[in-house]
Amino acid sequence: MQAEYQLTLPAIDPKQAEPLAMARMEEALNKLGFIPNMYGVMANSPGLLDTYIHGYERFRELSGFTPRRTGSGAARGHRIRRRSHLLRVRGGV
């Protein structure tokens, strides 16, 4: 039987964070209006938080996605395509 180990780290308050983590958390607050809980935990290792945010930003820049193709708009588009596909399959379109 395998035992699972769960790491428990406290979320770091931005005011108590090291300078690099504090800066990244403040940027997130300004961009998103809040600081994701995950960032607070990652702030235990400022380099991890910095690398994660940098990688995410690069992915968004280079992936070719636009704001219209992400989030609920993408889900809505998928539902519309799916519905029209079902109508074609059933002979309705």
N, C-alpha and C. Protein backbone atom coordinates (compact mmCIF):
# COMPACT_ATOMS: atom_id res chain seq x y z
N MET A 1 0.84 -1.18 0.00
CA MET A 1 0.00 0.00 0.00
C MET A 1 0.89 1.25 0.00
N GLN A 2 0.53 2.19 -0.86
CA GLN A 2 1.29 3.43 -0.91
C GLN A 2 0.67 4.46 0.02
N ALA A 3 1.51 5.15 0.71
CA ALA A 3 1.05 6.24 1.57
C ALA A 3 1.23 7.55 0.82
N GLU A 4 0.24 8.38 0.90
CA GLU A 4 0.35 9.69 0.28
C GLU A 4 0.85 10.69 1.30
N TYR A 5 1.80 11.48 0.87
CA TYR A 5 2.32 12.54 1.73
C TYR A 5 1.75 13.85 1.26
N GLN A 6 1.16 14.58 2.13
CA GLN A 6 0.64 15.89 1.78
C GLN A 6 1.49 16.95 2.44
N LEU A 7 2.00 17.81 1.62
CA LEU A 7 2.81 18.92 2.11
C LEU A 7 1.88 20.04 2.57
N THR A 8 2.09 20.50 3.75
CA THR A 8 1.26 21.60 4.24
C THR A 8 2.14 22.81 4.49
N LEU A 9 1.96 23.78 3.67
CA LEU A 9 2.68 25.05 3.81
C LEU A 9 1.66 26.15 4.04
N PRO A 10 1.94 27.06 4.90
CA PRO A 10 1.00 28.17 5.10
C PRO A 10 1.09 29.13 3.91
N ALA A 11 -0.02 29.75 3.61
CA ALA A 11 0.00 30.81 2.60
C ALA A 11 0.69 32.02 3.23
N ILE A 12 1.57 32.62 2.46
CA ILE A 12 2.32 33.78 2.93
C ILE A 12 1.53 35.05 2.64
N ASP A 13 1.39 35.89 3.62
CA ASP A 13 0.75 37.18 3.44
C ASP A 13 1.69 38.06 2.59
N PRO A 14 1.17 38.76 1.59
CA PRO A 14 2.04 39.58 0.74
C PRO A 14 2.92 40.56 1.52
N LYS A 15 2.41 41.07 2.63
CA LYS A 15 3.19 42.03 3.42
C LYS A 15 4.36 41.36 4.13
N GLN A 16 4.28 40.05 4.34
CA GLN A 16 5.33 39.31 5.02
C GLN A 16 6.25 38.57 4.04
N ALA A 17 5.93 38.62 2.76
CA ALA A 17 6.68 37.87 1.75
C ALA A 17 8.04 38.51 1.46
N GLU A 18 8.94 37.71 0.94
CA GLU A 18 10.23 38.23 0.49
C GLU A 18 9.97 39.18 -0.69
N PRO A 19 10.89 40.09 -0.96
CA PRO A 19 10.66 41.13 -1.98
C PRO A 19 10.20 40.61 -3.35
N LEU A 20 10.79 39.54 -3.87
CA LEU A 20 10.40 39.04 -5.18
C LEU A 20 8.96 38.53 -5.16
N ALA A 21 8.62 37.74 -4.14
CA ALA A 21 7.26 37.21 -4.03
C ALA A 21 6.27 38.34 -3.79
N MET A 22 6.65 39.31 -2.96
CA MET A 22 5.77 40.44 -2.67
C MET A 22 5.44 41.19 -3.96
N ALA A 23 6.45 41.43 -4.78
CA ALA A 23 6.23 42.15 -6.04
C ALA A 23 5.30 41.38 -6.96
N ARG A 24 5.51 40.08 -7.07
CA ARG A 24 4.67 39.26 -7.96
C ARG A 24 3.24 39.19 -7.45
N MET A 25 3.07 39.12 -6.13
CA MET A 25 1.73 39.06 -5.56
C MET A 25 1.01 40.40 -5.74
N GLU A 26 1.73 41.49 -5.63
CA GLU A 26 1.13 42.81 -5.85
C GLU A 26 0.72 42.98 -7.31
N GLU A 27 1.55 42.47 -8.23
CA GLU A 27 1.19 42.51 -9.65
C GLU A 27 -0.10 41.74 -9.90
N ALA A 28 -0.21 40.56 -9.28
CA ALA A 28 -1.42 39.76 -9.44
C ALA A 28 -2.64 40.50 -8.90
N LEU A 29 -2.48 41.14 -7.75
CA LEU A 29 -3.57 41.89 -7.16
C LEU A 29 -4.02 43.02 -8.08
N ASN A 30 -3.08 43.70 -8.69
CA ASN A 30 -3.41 44.79 -9.61
C ASN A 30 -4.07 44.28 -10.88
N LYS A 31 -3.61 43.14 -11.40
CA LYS A 31 -4.16 42.58 -12.63
C LYS A 31 -5.50 41.90 -12.42
N LEU A 32 -5.60 41.08 -11.37
CA LEU A 32 -6.77 40.24 -11.17
C LEU A 32 -7.78 40.81 -10.18
N GLY A 33 -7.30 41.69 -9.33
CA GLY A 33 -8.16 42.21 -8.28
C GLY A 33 -8.14 41.37 -7.01
N PHE A 34 -7.37 40.30 -7.03
CA PHE A 34 -7.20 39.43 -5.87
C PHE A 34 -5.90 38.64 -6.05
N ILE A 35 -5.47 37.98 -5.01
CA ILE A 35 -4.27 37.14 -5.07
C ILE A 35 -4.73 35.69 -4.93
N PRO A 36 -4.53 34.87 -5.96
CA PRO A 36 -4.93 33.47 -5.85
C PRO A 36 -4.26 32.79 -4.66
N ASN A 37 -4.99 31.93 -3.97
CA ASN A 37 -4.45 31.20 -2.82
C ASN A 37 -3.16 30.47 -3.18
N MET A 38 -3.14 29.92 -4.38
CA MET A 38 -1.97 29.18 -4.85
C MET A 38 -0.71 30.06 -4.82
N TYR A 39 -0.86 31.35 -5.14
CA TYR A 39 0.29 32.26 -5.13
C TYR A 39 0.82 32.44 -3.71
N GLY A 40 -0.10 32.51 -2.74
CA GLY A 40 0.32 32.66 -1.36
C GLY A 40 1.15 31.48 -0.89
N VAL A 41 0.77 30.27 -1.32
CA VAL A 41 1.54 29.08 -0.94
C VAL A 41 2.86 29.05 -1.70
N MET A 42 2.82 29.38 -3.00
CA MET A 42 4.05 29.39 -3.79
C MET A 42 5.04 30.43 -3.28
N ALA A 43 4.54 31.45 -2.58
CA ALA A 43 5.42 32.51 -2.05
C ALA A 43 6.39 31.97 -1.02
N ASN A 44 6.17 30.75 -0.51
CA ASN A 44 7.15 30.12 0.37
C ASN A 44 8.48 29.93 -0.35
N SER A 45 8.41 29.83 -1.67
CA SER A 45 9.59 29.73 -2.51
C SER A 45 9.46 30.80 -3.60
N PRO A 46 9.97 32.00 -3.34
CA PRO A 46 9.78 33.10 -4.29
C PRO A 46 10.19 32.77 -5.72
N GLY A 47 11.23 31.98 -5.87
CA GLY A 47 11.65 31.59 -7.22
C GLY A 47 10.60 30.75 -7.92
N LEU A 48 9.91 29.90 -7.18
CA LEU A 48 8.84 29.08 -7.76
C LEU A 48 7.70 29.97 -8.23
N LEU A 49 7.27 30.89 -7.38
CA LEU A 49 6.18 31.80 -7.75
C LEU A 49 6.56 32.62 -8.97
N ASP A 50 7.76 33.16 -8.98
CA ASP A 50 8.23 33.98 -10.11
C ASP A 50 8.26 33.16 -11.39
N THR A 51 8.77 31.95 -11.31
CA THR A 51 8.87 31.08 -12.49
C THR A 51 7.49 30.70 -12.99
N TYR A 52 6.58 30.36 -12.09
CA TYR A 52 5.22 30.00 -12.48
C TYR A 52 4.54 31.15 -13.21
N ILE A 53 4.59 32.34 -12.62
CA ILE A 53 3.92 33.49 -13.24
C ILE A 53 4.56 33.83 -14.58
N HIS A 54 5.88 33.78 -14.64
CA HIS A 54 6.57 34.06 -15.91
C HIS A 54 6.15 33.04 -16.98
N GLY A 55 6.13 31.77 -16.62
CA GLY A 55 5.74 30.73 -17.57
C GLY A 55 4.30 30.90 -18.04
N TYR A 56 3.41 31.23 -17.13
CA TYR A 56 2.01 31.44 -17.49
C TYR A 56 1.87 32.63 -18.44
N GLU A 57 2.59 33.72 -18.13
CA GLU A 57 2.53 34.90 -19.00
C GLU A 57 3.06 34.58 -20.40
N ARG A 58 4.16 33.85 -20.46
CA ARG A 58 4.73 33.46 -21.77
C ARG A 58 3.77 32.58 -22.54
N PHE A 59 3.12 31.64 -21.86
CA PHE A 59 2.14 30.78 -22.51
C PHE A 59 1.01 31.62 -23.11
N ARG A 60 0.49 32.58 -22.33
CA ARG A 60 -0.59 33.41 -22.83
C ARG A 60 -0.13 34.24 -24.03
N GLU A 61 1.10 34.75 -23.99
CA GLU A 61 1.62 35.57 -25.08
C GLU A 61 1.83 34.77 -26.36
N LEU A 62 2.35 33.56 -26.23
CA LEU A 62 2.80 32.81 -27.39
C LEU A 62 1.83 31.73 -27.86
N SER A 63 0.75 31.49 -27.13
CA SER A 63 -0.14 30.39 -27.48
C SER A 63 -1.07 30.70 -28.64
N GLY A 64 -1.27 31.97 -28.91
CA GLY A 64 -2.18 32.33 -29.99
C GLY A 64 -3.62 32.50 -29.54
N PHE A 65 -3.90 32.23 -28.28
CA PHE A 65 -5.25 32.44 -27.77
C PHE A 65 -5.53 33.93 -27.65
N THR A 66 -6.75 34.30 -27.91
CA THR A 66 -7.17 35.68 -27.71
C THR A 66 -8.22 35.68 -26.60
N PRO A 67 -8.49 36.82 -26.00
CA PRO A 67 -9.50 36.85 -24.95
C PRO A 67 -10.85 36.29 -25.39
N ARG A 68 -11.21 36.45 -26.65
CA ARG A 68 -12.49 35.92 -27.13
C ARG A 68 -12.53 34.40 -27.12
N ARG A 69 -11.39 33.74 -27.24
CA ARG A 69 -11.36 32.29 -27.34
C ARG A 69 -11.13 31.61 -25.99
N THR A 70 -11.11 32.34 -24.91
CA THR A 70 -10.87 31.74 -23.61
C THR A 70 -12.09 31.91 -22.73
N GLY A 71 -12.12 31.22 -21.64
CA GLY A 71 -13.17 31.37 -20.64
C GLY A 71 -14.54 30.96 -21.12
N SER A 72 -15.57 31.64 -20.65
CA SER A 72 -16.94 31.24 -20.92
C SER A 72 -17.28 31.36 -22.40
N GLY A 73 -16.63 32.28 -23.11
CA GLY A 73 -16.89 32.41 -24.54
C GLY A 73 -16.52 31.14 -25.28
N ALA A 74 -15.42 30.53 -24.91
CA ALA A 74 -15.00 29.28 -25.54
C ALA A 74 -16.00 28.18 -25.24
N ALA A 75 -16.46 28.12 -24.00
CA ALA A 75 -17.43 27.10 -23.62
C ALA A 75 -18.73 27.31 -24.38
N ARG A 76 -19.16 28.56 -24.51
CA ARG A 76 -20.39 28.86 -25.23
C ARG A 76 -20.25 28.46 -26.69
N GLY A 77 -19.10 28.78 -27.30
CA GLY A 77 -18.87 28.40 -28.68
C GLY A 77 -18.88 26.90 -28.86
N HIS A 78 -18.32 26.19 -27.90
CA HIS A 78 -18.32 24.73 -27.96
C HIS A 78 -19.75 24.20 -27.90
N ARG A 79 -20.56 24.75 -27.02
CA ARG A 79 -21.95 24.30 -26.92
C ARG A 79 -22.70 24.56 -28.21
N ILE A 80 -22.46 25.71 -28.84
CA ILE A 80 -23.14 26.03 -30.09
C ILE A 80 -22.71 25.05 -31.17
N ARG A 81 -21.40 24.81 -31.28
CA ARG A 81 -20.93 23.86 -32.29
C ARG A 81 -21.48 22.47 -32.02
N ARG A 82 -21.49 22.08 -30.76
CA ARG A 82 -21.99 20.76 -30.39
C ARG A 82 -23.46 20.63 -30.74
N ARG A 83 -24.25 21.65 -30.45
CA ARG A 83 -25.68 21.61 -30.76
C ARG A 83 -25.90 21.51 -32.25
N SER A 84 -25.18 22.30 -33.04
CA SER A 84 -25.38 22.24 -34.49
C SER A 84 -24.94 20.88 -35.03
N HIS A 85 -23.90 20.28 -34.43
CA HIS A 85 -23.47 18.95 -34.83
C HIS A 85 -24.58 17.94 -34.55
N LEU A 86 -25.17 18.02 -33.37
CA LEU A 86 -26.25 17.08 -33.03
C LEU A 86 -27.44 17.24 -33.94
N LEU A 87 -27.75 18.49 -34.31
CA LEU A 87 -28.87 18.71 -35.22
C LEU A 87 -28.59 18.08 -36.59
N ARG A 88 -27.34 18.22 -37.05
CA ARG A 88 -26.99 17.60 -38.34
C ARG A 88 -27.09 16.09 -38.25
N VAL A 89 -26.61 15.52 -37.17
CA VAL A 89 -26.63 14.07 -36.99
C VAL A 89 -28.07 13.58 -36.96
N ARG A 90 -28.94 14.33 -36.32
CA ARG A 90 -30.36 13.92 -36.21
C ARG A 90 -31.16 14.31 -37.44
N GLY A 91 -30.53 15.00 -38.38
CA GLY A 91 -31.24 15.38 -39.60
C GLY A 91 -32.00 16.68 -39.50
N GLY A 92 -31.74 17.46 -38.47
CA GLY A 92 -32.47 18.71 -38.27
C GLY A 92 -31.89 19.90 -39.02
N VAL A 93 -30.68 19.82 -39.51
CA VAL A 93 -30.07 20.96 -40.20
C VAL A 93 -29.53 20.48 -41.52
